[in-house]
C-alpha cells in the first residue's frame, strides 16, 4: 500500500457520503437565504431583524458548503496525491505497522475480527512498536527433518531449524509450547505475543505427557546475539535450562486465556491441564559468561519427539514469517529392519509448492525441498510414508 492509498481511503465511504450531503445542505440553505434577502423587503421590527440575520448568514453558508464540497470532490484527493508524491513512504514508515495493516486489510477485506489473524501472520507480531520493533521475521531459514525408529511402533522425530532475523529480536527469553489439542495448535501462533517461541504438537493424546518429557532433554539452542553494550557474540548450541510455567501464569503467555480472540472464546487454563504445557528458558543462561542478552540475531533450535510410526506422517510449520531456503530430510533410519519397505512423499502447503515431487519415493531417492519462498504461520510441509506399496 502506498501513501496515496492510505490517505485517500483512510475514511469509510459512509463518512465521505455524509460530508457531501452536509456540503449540499449548506449550499441549499445559503441559496435559500440569499433568495430571501433579494426578494423580501420586510417591515421594521422582527422582520427586519430576521432579514439582517439572513444577510449575515448566507455568505457563511455558501462559503462553508462550497469549501467542504470542493475539498471532498477535488482537494482531498489532490492533497493526498501531493503528500504521497512528496513524503510517500516516509509517512507510512512513521506510522505503526499495525495502523497501516489495519487500514489496508479493512479496505480490501472489509471490517472483520478475523483480519487480526492475517495482520499478525503477515507482520510477525502485533506491530504496536515503531519501525517494527516487536516483529519477528526470519529472512533466512533452514529446516532439517530426521526420522529414527525406536522399535516397530515408535520413532524419534528430530527437527532442527535455523532462523536469521531481519531485525534483531529484542528479547532474552525463549518459549516452548507443547500441546496435543488441535484447537490450541492452530491458535497459539496468533495468541502468543512473545517474539521467540517454538510449538510442539503431539497428535496422540495418550502419548502426549511421555513424549514431552522425552523431548525436553533433547532440546538444543544456539544463538548469535547482542549484549547490553550492543557487542556481537556467538553461543554454540547447548542444552538450555527449561522451566515449566505454572498454569496460573498461562494468561501472561497466551492472549486467549485473557480474552476472546476472534471466533475463539476465552479459554480457561484449568480445562487444558492435560493437553498443554509451557516451558521457558532465559537465553542469558546459554550466553558467553552468562552475559545479559539484549537482542537475538540468529537462533538455532533442535528437538526430538517420540511419535507413532503408524500415524504415517510428520510435519513442520512456520511459527512466524520465514523465508525458507530449503528443507532437508534424513529418513533411512525409520526402516529399523533395513528392508527398504518404506516409501515417502512430500506435500508442502506453501505459496509455491510446485518444486516438490508428487510421486512416492524410496528413502535414498528423497530430494531436498527447494522452497525459496516466504512461509507465514500456517504454512509448512508434511512428510508422508507408507509400507509395502508398489
Protein backbone atom coordinates (compact mmCIF):
# COMPACT_ATOMS: atom_id res chain seq x y z
CA UNK A 1 0.00 0.00 0.00
CA UNK A 2 1.35 3.44 -0.91
CA UNK A 3 0.77 6.64 0.99
CA UNK A 4 -1.77 7.93 -1.54
CA UNK A 5 -3.94 4.88 -0.95
CA UNK A 6 -3.52 5.23 2.80
CA UNK A 7 -4.57 8.89 2.94
CA UNK A 8 -7.21 8.65 0.22
CA UNK A 9 -9.02 5.62 1.65
CA UNK A 10 -8.47 6.17 5.36
CA UNK A 11 -12.10 7.20 6.00
CA UNK A 12 -15.02 4.83 5.41
CA UNK A 13 -17.23 5.50 2.37
CA UNK A 14 -20.15 6.31 4.65
CA UNK A 15 -18.22 9.21 6.21
CA UNK A 16 -17.40 10.67 2.80
CA UNK A 17 -21.02 10.37 1.71
CA UNK A 18 -22.21 12.19 4.82
CA UNK A 19 -19.71 15.00 4.25
CA UNK A 20 -21.01 15.51 0.72
CA UNK A 21 -24.61 15.56 1.96
CA UNK A 22 -23.68 18.21 4.55
CA UNK A 23 -21.95 20.30 1.86
CA UNK A 24 -25.03 20.11 -0.38
CA UNK A 25 -27.30 21.05 2.54
CA UNK A 26 -25.18 24.09 3.41
CA UNK A 27 -25.23 25.27 -0.21
CA UNK A 28 -29.00 24.79 -0.36
CA UNK A 29 -29.60 26.76 2.86
CA UNK A 30 -27.25 29.51 1.68
CA UNK A 31 -29.11 29.76 -1.64
CA UNK A 32 -32.47 29.93 0.15
CA UNK A 33 -31.15 32.67 2.49
CA UNK A 34 -29.78 34.65 -0.47
CA UNK A 35 -33.08 34.39 -2.35
CA UNK A 36 -34.94 35.60 0.74
CA UNK A 37 -32.62 38.58 1.13
CA UNK A 38 -33.02 39.60 -2.51
CA UNK A 39 -36.79 39.09 -2.82
CA UNK A 40 -38.02 40.07 0.63
CA UNK A 41 -38.34 43.65 1.90
CA UNK A 42 -39.50 43.40 5.49
CA UNK A 43 -41.26 45.99 7.66
CA UNK A 44 -39.39 47.41 10.64
CA UNK A 45 -39.36 45.13 13.69
CA UNK A 46 -38.82 41.35 13.86
CA UNK A 47 -38.93 41.02 10.11
CA UNK A 48 -36.06 43.48 9.72
CA UNK A 49 -34.02 41.58 12.33
CA UNK A 50 -34.56 38.27 10.55
CA UNK A 51 -33.70 39.90 7.21
CA UNK A 52 -30.46 41.19 8.71
CA UNK A 53 -29.66 37.72 10.09
CA UNK A 54 -30.16 36.19 6.65
CA UNK A 55 -27.88 38.85 5.12
CA UNK A 56 -25.13 37.85 7.55
CA UNK A 57 -25.62 34.09 7.33
CA UNK A 58 -25.99 33.35 3.59
CA UNK A 59 -22.34 34.18 2.75
CA UNK A 60 -21.16 31.91 5.60
CA UNK A 61 -23.42 29.05 4.48
CA UNK A 62 -22.41 29.34 0.83
CA UNK A 63 -18.72 29.62 1.69
CA UNK A 64 -18.79 26.66 4.11
CA UNK A 65 -20.74 24.47 1.68
CA UNK A 66 -18.50 25.42 -1.23
CA UNK A 67 -15.28 24.79 0.66
CA UNK A 68 -16.49 21.46 2.07
CA UNK A 69 -17.79 20.32 -1.31
CA UNK A 70 -14.61 21.38 -3.13
CA UNK A 71 -12.48 19.58 -0.54
CA UNK A 72 -14.47 16.36 -0.80
CA UNK A 73 -14.71 16.33 -4.59
CA UNK A 74 -11.34 17.77 -5.61
CA UNK A 75 -8.93 18.96 -2.92
CA UNK A 76 -8.83 15.86 -0.71
CA UNK A 77 -7.55 13.54 -3.44
CA UNK A 78 -5.16 16.23 -4.73
CA UNK A 79 -3.71 16.81 -1.25
CA UNK A 80 -3.39 13.04 -0.69
CA UNK A 81 -1.61 12.69 -4.02
CA UNK A 82 0.79 15.53 -3.21
CA UNK A 83 1.53 14.06 0.22
CA UNK A 84 2.22 10.72 -1.40
CA UNK A 85 4.47 12.31 -4.01
CA UNK A 86 6.41 14.49 -1.58
CA UNK A 87 6.61 12.35 1.54
CA UNK A 88 5.31 8.98 0.34
CA UNK A 89 6.93 6.01 2.11
CA UNK A 90 8.34 8.18 4.89
CA UNK A 91 4.85 8.92 6.19
CA UNK A 92 3.88 5.24 6.07
CA UNK A 93 7.12 4.27 7.79
CA UNK A 94 6.40 6.79 10.55
CA UNK A 95 3.12 5.03 11.32
CA UNK A 96 2.87 1.90 13.45
CA UNK A 97 2.81 -1.28 11.32
CA UNK A 98 -0.50 -2.21 12.97
CA UNK A 99 -2.10 1.09 11.84
CA UNK A 100 -1.04 0.66 8.23
CA UNK A 101 -2.03 -3.02 8.05
CA UNK A 102 -5.42 -2.50 9.72
CA UNK A 103 -6.41 0.20 7.22
CA UNK A 104 -5.12 -1.84 4.30
CA UNK A 105 -6.93 -5.05 5.30
CA UNK A 106 -10.20 -3.24 6.00
CA UNK A 107 -10.04 -1.53 2.61
CA UNK A 108 -9.53 -4.93 0.91
CA UNK A 109 -11.43 -7.44 3.06
CA UNK A 110 -13.86 -5.15 4.88
CA UNK A 111 -14.10 -4.81 8.65
CA UNK A 112 -13.76 -8.24 10.26
CA UNK A 113 -12.34 -9.52 13.55
CA UNK A 114 -10.57 -12.27 11.62
CA UNK A 115 -8.35 -9.63 9.96
CA UNK A 116 -6.28 -9.73 13.15
CA UNK A 117 -5.06 -13.23 12.30
CA UNK A 118 -3.95 -12.10 8.85
CA UNK A 119 -2.29 -8.99 10.28
CA UNK A 120 -0.24 -10.82 12.92
CA UNK A 121 0.63 -13.58 10.46
CA UNK A 122 1.95 -11.21 7.80
CA UNK A 123 3.70 -8.85 10.21
CA UNK A 124 5.14 -11.49 12.51
CA UNK A 125 3.64 -9.83 15.58
CA UNK A 126 1.16 -7.17 16.62
CA UNK A 127 3.10 -4.24 15.16
CA UNK A 128 2.49 -1.88 18.08
CA UNK A 129 6.07 -0.54 18.22
CA UNK A 130 7.60 1.99 15.81
CA UNK A 131 9.66 0.61 12.93
CA UNK A 132 8.53 -2.95 13.68
CA UNK A 133 10.41 -3.25 16.95
CA UNK A 134 8.11 -6.05 18.15
CA UNK A 135 8.06 -8.10 14.93
CA UNK A 136 9.76 -11.47 14.38
CA UNK A 137 10.69 -12.14 10.74
CA UNK A 138 13.29 -14.68 9.62
CA UNK A 139 14.86 -13.76 6.28
CA UNK A 140 16.93 -16.97 6.00
CA UNK A 141 15.52 -20.20 7.41
CA UNK A 142 16.83 -23.74 7.09
CA UNK A 143 14.92 -26.85 8.21
CA UNK A 144 16.24 -30.38 8.66
CA UNK A 145 13.96 -33.36 9.38
CA UNK A 146 15.30 -36.67 10.74
CA UNK A 147 13.35 -39.86 11.47
CA UNK A 148 14.84 -42.73 13.52
CA UNK A 149 12.86 -45.79 14.55
CA UNK A 150 12.99 -46.79 18.24
CA UNK A 151 11.14 -50.08 17.58
CA UNK A 152 8.44 -51.24 15.17
CA UNK A 153 5.83 -48.92 16.74
CA UNK A 154 7.64 -45.74 17.81
CA UNK A 155 10.15 -43.41 16.23
CA UNK A 156 12.10 -40.28 17.15
CA UNK A 157 11.22 -37.20 15.12
CA UNK A 158 14.16 -34.77 15.19
CA UNK A 159 13.67 -31.26 13.88
CA UNK A 160 16.49 -28.74 13.51
CA UNK A 161 15.62 -25.21 12.41
CA UNK A 162 17.85 -22.16 11.99
CA UNK A 163 16.41 -18.65 11.86
CA UNK A 164 18.22 -15.45 10.83
CA UNK A 165 16.16 -12.39 11.71
CA UNK A 166 15.53 -9.32 9.56
CA UNK A 167 15.88 -7.10 12.62
CA UNK A 168 17.43 -8.09 15.89
CA UNK A 169 14.69 -9.53 18.07
CA UNK A 170 14.79 -7.64 21.35
CA UNK A 171 14.15 -10.48 23.77
CA UNK A 172 16.07 -12.54 26.31
CA UNK A 173 13.62 -15.43 26.67
CA UNK A 174 12.66 -18.45 24.56
CA UNK A 175 9.28 -20.15 24.98
CA UNK A 176 8.19 -23.68 24.10
CA UNK A 177 4.51 -24.57 23.78
CA UNK A 178 3.63 -28.27 23.74
CA UNK A 179 0.10 -29.47 23.06
CA UNK A 180 -1.95 -32.40 21.78
CA UNK A 181 -5.03 -30.21 21.26
CA UNK A 182 -5.62 -29.26 17.61
CA UNK A 183 -7.56 -26.12 18.61
CA UNK A 184 -4.64 -24.85 20.67
CA UNK A 185 -2.15 -25.85 17.98
CA UNK A 186 -3.95 -23.64 15.46
CA UNK A 187 -4.39 -20.72 17.90
CA UNK A 188 -1.01 -20.43 19.61
CA UNK A 189 0.78 -18.62 16.76
CA UNK A 190 -1.71 -15.74 16.80
CA UNK A 191 -2.32 -15.90 20.55
CA UNK A 192 1.33 -15.67 21.59
CA UNK A 193 2.60 -12.12 21.96
CA UNK A 194 6.17 -13.14 22.81
CA UNK A 195 8.69 -12.82 19.97
CA UNK A 196 10.59 -16.15 20.10
CA UNK A 197 8.77 -19.43 20.59
CA UNK A 198 8.52 -22.98 19.31
CA UNK A 199 5.39 -25.11 19.05
CA UNK A 200 5.39 -28.87 19.62
CA UNK A 201 2.32 -30.83 18.60
CA UNK A 202 1.86 -34.47 19.64
CA UNK A 203 -1.17 -35.92 17.81
CA UNK A 204 -1.59 -38.85 20.22
CA UNK A 205 -3.07 -37.57 23.49
CA UNK A 206 -2.12 -40.80 25.31
CA UNK A 207 1.49 -40.29 24.28
CA UNK A 208 1.49 -36.54 25.00
CA UNK A 209 2.97 -36.37 28.52
CA UNK A 210 5.63 -39.03 27.95
CA UNK A 211 6.55 -37.58 24.56
CA UNK A 212 7.07 -34.10 26.01
CA UNK A 213 9.13 -35.49 28.90
CA UNK A 214 11.20 -37.43 26.38
CA UNK A 215 11.64 -34.33 24.22
CA UNK A 216 12.83 -31.90 26.90
CA UNK A 217 16.36 -33.34 27.37
CA UNK A 218 16.88 -33.29 23.60
CA UNK A 219 16.41 -29.53 23.20
CA UNK A 220 19.47 -27.65 21.99
CA UNK A 221 19.65 -23.91 21.42
CA UNK A 222 22.32 -21.83 19.75
CA UNK A 223 22.24 -18.04 19.40
CA UNK A 224 24.05 -15.12 17.87
CA UNK A 225 23.19 -12.11 19.97
CA UNK A 226 23.95 -8.58 21.10
CA UNK A 227 24.68 -7.83 24.75
CA UNK A 228 23.62 -4.69 26.62
CA UNK A 229 26.58 -2.78 25.11
CA UNK A 230 25.47 -3.91 21.61
CA UNK A 231 28.53 -6.14 21.19
CA UNK A 232 28.12 -9.23 18.99
CA UNK A 233 28.53 -12.72 20.47
CA UNK A 234 28.02 -16.32 19.40
CA UNK A 235 26.82 -19.03 21.80
CA UNK A 236 27.21 -22.51 20.36
CA UNK A 237 24.34 -24.95 20.50
CA UNK A 238 23.85 -26.29 24.02
CA UNK A 239 21.19 -27.67 26.29
CA UNK A 240 19.16 -24.87 27.91
CA UNK A 241 17.71 -24.88 31.39
CA UNK A 242 13.98 -25.09 30.80
CA UNK A 243 11.49 -24.05 33.47
CA UNK A 244 7.87 -25.18 33.26
CA UNK A 245 5.37 -22.34 33.55
CA UNK A 246 2.59 -22.86 36.10
CA UNK A 247 -0.91 -22.87 34.67
CA UNK A 248 -1.85 -19.81 36.77
CA UNK A 249 0.64 -17.82 34.67
CA UNK A 250 -0.51 -19.07 31.25
CA UNK A 251 -2.54 -15.88 30.58
CA UNK A 252 0.78 -13.96 30.57
CA UNK A 253 1.89 -16.04 27.58
CA UNK A 254 -1.29 -16.60 25.53
CA UNK A 255 -3.92 -13.93 24.95
CA UNK A 256 -6.82 -16.39 24.56
CA UNK A 257 -6.52 -17.17 28.28
CA UNK A 258 -7.25 -13.48 29.00
CA UNK A 259 -9.90 -12.55 26.46
CA UNK A 260 -11.86 -13.67 23.43
CA UNK A 261 -9.69 -13.95 20.34
CA UNK A 262 -11.87 -13.54 17.26
CA UNK A 263 -14.08 -16.62 16.93
CA UNK A 264 -12.20 -18.34 19.75
CA UNK A 265 -13.86 -17.61 23.11
CA UNK A 266 -11.73 -17.03 26.17
CA UNK A 267 -10.22 -20.30 27.38
CA UNK A 268 -9.76 -21.50 30.95
CA UNK A 269 -6.27 -22.77 31.83
CA UNK A 270 -7.77 -25.44 34.10
CA UNK A 271 -9.56 -27.02 31.14
CA UNK A 272 -6.23 -27.55 29.36
CA UNK A 273 -4.11 -29.00 32.15
CA UNK A 274 -3.97 -32.32 30.30
CA UNK A 275 -3.25 -31.06 26.79
CA UNK A 276 -0.94 -28.05 27.16
CA UNK A 277 2.47 -27.44 28.72
CA UNK A 278 4.58 -24.28 28.50
CA UNK A 279 8.32 -24.04 29.11
CA UNK A 280 10.61 -21.02 29.30
CA UNK A 281 14.35 -20.50 29.32
CA UNK A 282 16.50 -17.46 29.97
CA UNK A 283 18.78 -17.07 26.95
CA UNK A 284 21.39 -15.42 29.13
CA UNK A 285 21.99 -18.86 30.67
CA UNK A 286 23.49 -20.15 27.42
CA UNK A 287 25.29 -16.90 26.54
CA UNK A 288 29.07 -16.44 26.90
CA UNK A 289 29.92 -16.00 30.59
CA UNK A 290 26.18 -15.66 31.20
CA UNK A 291 26.16 -12.17 29.68
CA UNK A 292 22.87 -10.32 29.58
CA UNK A 293 21.24 -10.88 26.19
CA UNK A 294 19.69 -7.75 24.69
CA UNK A 295 18.73 -8.92 21.19
CA UNK A 296 18.88 -12.08 19.08
CA UNK A 297 20.31 -12.02 15.55
CA UNK A 298 20.26 -15.74 14.81
CA UNK A 299 18.65 -18.71 16.53
CA UNK A 300 19.06 -22.45 16.02
CA UNK A 301 16.65 -24.89 17.63
CA UNK A 302 16.87 -28.68 17.71
CA UNK A 303 14.49 -31.06 19.47
CA UNK A 304 13.47 -34.71 19.27
CA UNK A 305 9.99 -36.05 19.99
CA UNK A 306 8.56 -39.54 20.34
CA UNK A 307 5.86 -40.36 17.79
CA UNK A 308 3.96 -43.40 16.48
CA UNK A 309 5.08 -44.85 13.15
CA UNK A 310 1.56 -45.90 12.15
CA UNK A 311 0.44 -42.24 12.08
CA UNK A 312 2.15 -42.14 8.71
CA UNK A 313 3.21 -38.50 8.64
CA UNK A 314 5.14 -35.71 10.34
CA UNK A 315 5.24 -32.01 9.55
CA UNK A 316 6.81 -28.63 10.24
CA UNK A 317 5.00 -25.27 10.33
CA UNK A 318 6.49 -21.79 10.36
CA UNK A 319 5.93 -20.11 13.76
CA UNK A 320 6.34 -16.63 12.25
CA UNK A 321 7.09 -15.22 8.76
CA UNK A 322 10.08 -17.14 7.41
CA UNK A 323 11.85 -17.07 4.09
CA UNK A 324 12.75 -20.74 3.77
CA UNK A 325 15.70 -21.64 1.58
CA UNK A 326 15.41 -25.42 1.72
CA UNK A 327 14.13 -28.32 3.79
CA UNK A 328 16.21 -31.50 4.02
CA UNK A 329 15.15 -34.99 5.04
CA UNK A 330 17.08 -37.88 6.60
CA UNK A 331 14.64 -40.79 6.79
CA UNK A 332 16.58 -44.03 6.17
CA UNK A 333 16.64 -44.94 9.85
CA UNK A 334 12.85 -45.11 10.05
CA UNK A 335 13.25 -48.55 8.49
CA UNK A 336 14.56 -50.41 11.55
CA UNK A 337 14.88 -53.72 9.67
CA UNK A 338 16.66 -52.23 6.67
CA UNK A 339 14.27 -53.90 4.21
CA UNK A 340 13.64 -50.78 2.15
CA UNK A 341 9.91 -51.29 2.59
CA UNK A 342 9.10 -47.61 3.28
CA UNK A 343 8.11 -45.07 0.64
CA UNK A 344 7.85 -41.31 1.18
CA UNK A 345 6.02 -38.35 -0.31
CA UNK A 346 6.45 -34.61 0.38
CA UNK A 347 3.38 -32.35 0.49
CA UNK A 348 4.18 -28.64 1.02
CA UNK A 349 1.40 -26.25 1.97
CA UNK A 350 3.06 -23.00 0.96
CA UNK A 351 2.65 -20.16 -1.56
CA UNK A 352 4.66 -22.17 -4.10
CA UNK A 353 4.65 -25.97 -3.91
CA UNK A 354 5.48 -26.97 -7.49
CA UNK A 355 9.08 -27.79 -6.50
CA UNK A 356 8.08 -31.00 -4.68
CA UNK A 357 7.82 -34.43 -6.32
CA UNK A 358 4.27 -35.78 -6.35
CA UNK A 359 5.18 -39.47 -6.50
CA UNK A 360 6.17 -41.91 -3.78
CA UNK A 361 9.94 -42.35 -3.41
CA UNK A 362 12.33 -44.59 -1.52
CA UNK A 363 14.35 -43.03 1.29
CA UNK A 364 17.55 -42.79 -0.76
CA UNK A 365 15.70 -41.02 -3.59
CA UNK A 366 14.02 -38.40 -1.42
CA UNK A 367 15.41 -35.00 -2.51
CA UNK A 368 15.88 -31.73 -0.68
CA UNK A 369 12.88 -29.49 -0.95
CA UNK A 370 13.96 -26.22 -2.55
CA UNK A 371 11.37 -23.78 -1.20
CA UNK A 372 12.92 -20.34 -1.78
CA UNK A 373 9.73 -18.60 -0.74
CA UNK A 374 8.07 -16.91 2.21
CA UNK A 375 6.11 -19.05 4.63
CA UNK A 376 3.63 -17.48 7.03
CA UNK A 377 2.20 -19.05 10.21
CA UNK A 378 0.03 -21.92 8.99
CA UNK A 379 2.37 -22.70 6.08
CA UNK A 380 4.69 -25.67 6.21
CA UNK A 381 5.44 -29.10 4.79
CA UNK A 382 4.16 -32.62 5.51
CA UNK A 383 6.20 -35.77 5.01
CA UNK A 384 4.06 -38.88 4.43
CA UNK A 385 5.21 -42.51 4.44
CA UNK A 386 3.73 -45.93 3.74
CA UNK A 387 4.87 -49.54 3.86
CA UNK A 388 4.98 -52.15 1.18
CA UNK A 389 3.32 -50.15 -1.60
CA UNK A 390 4.25 -51.00 -5.14
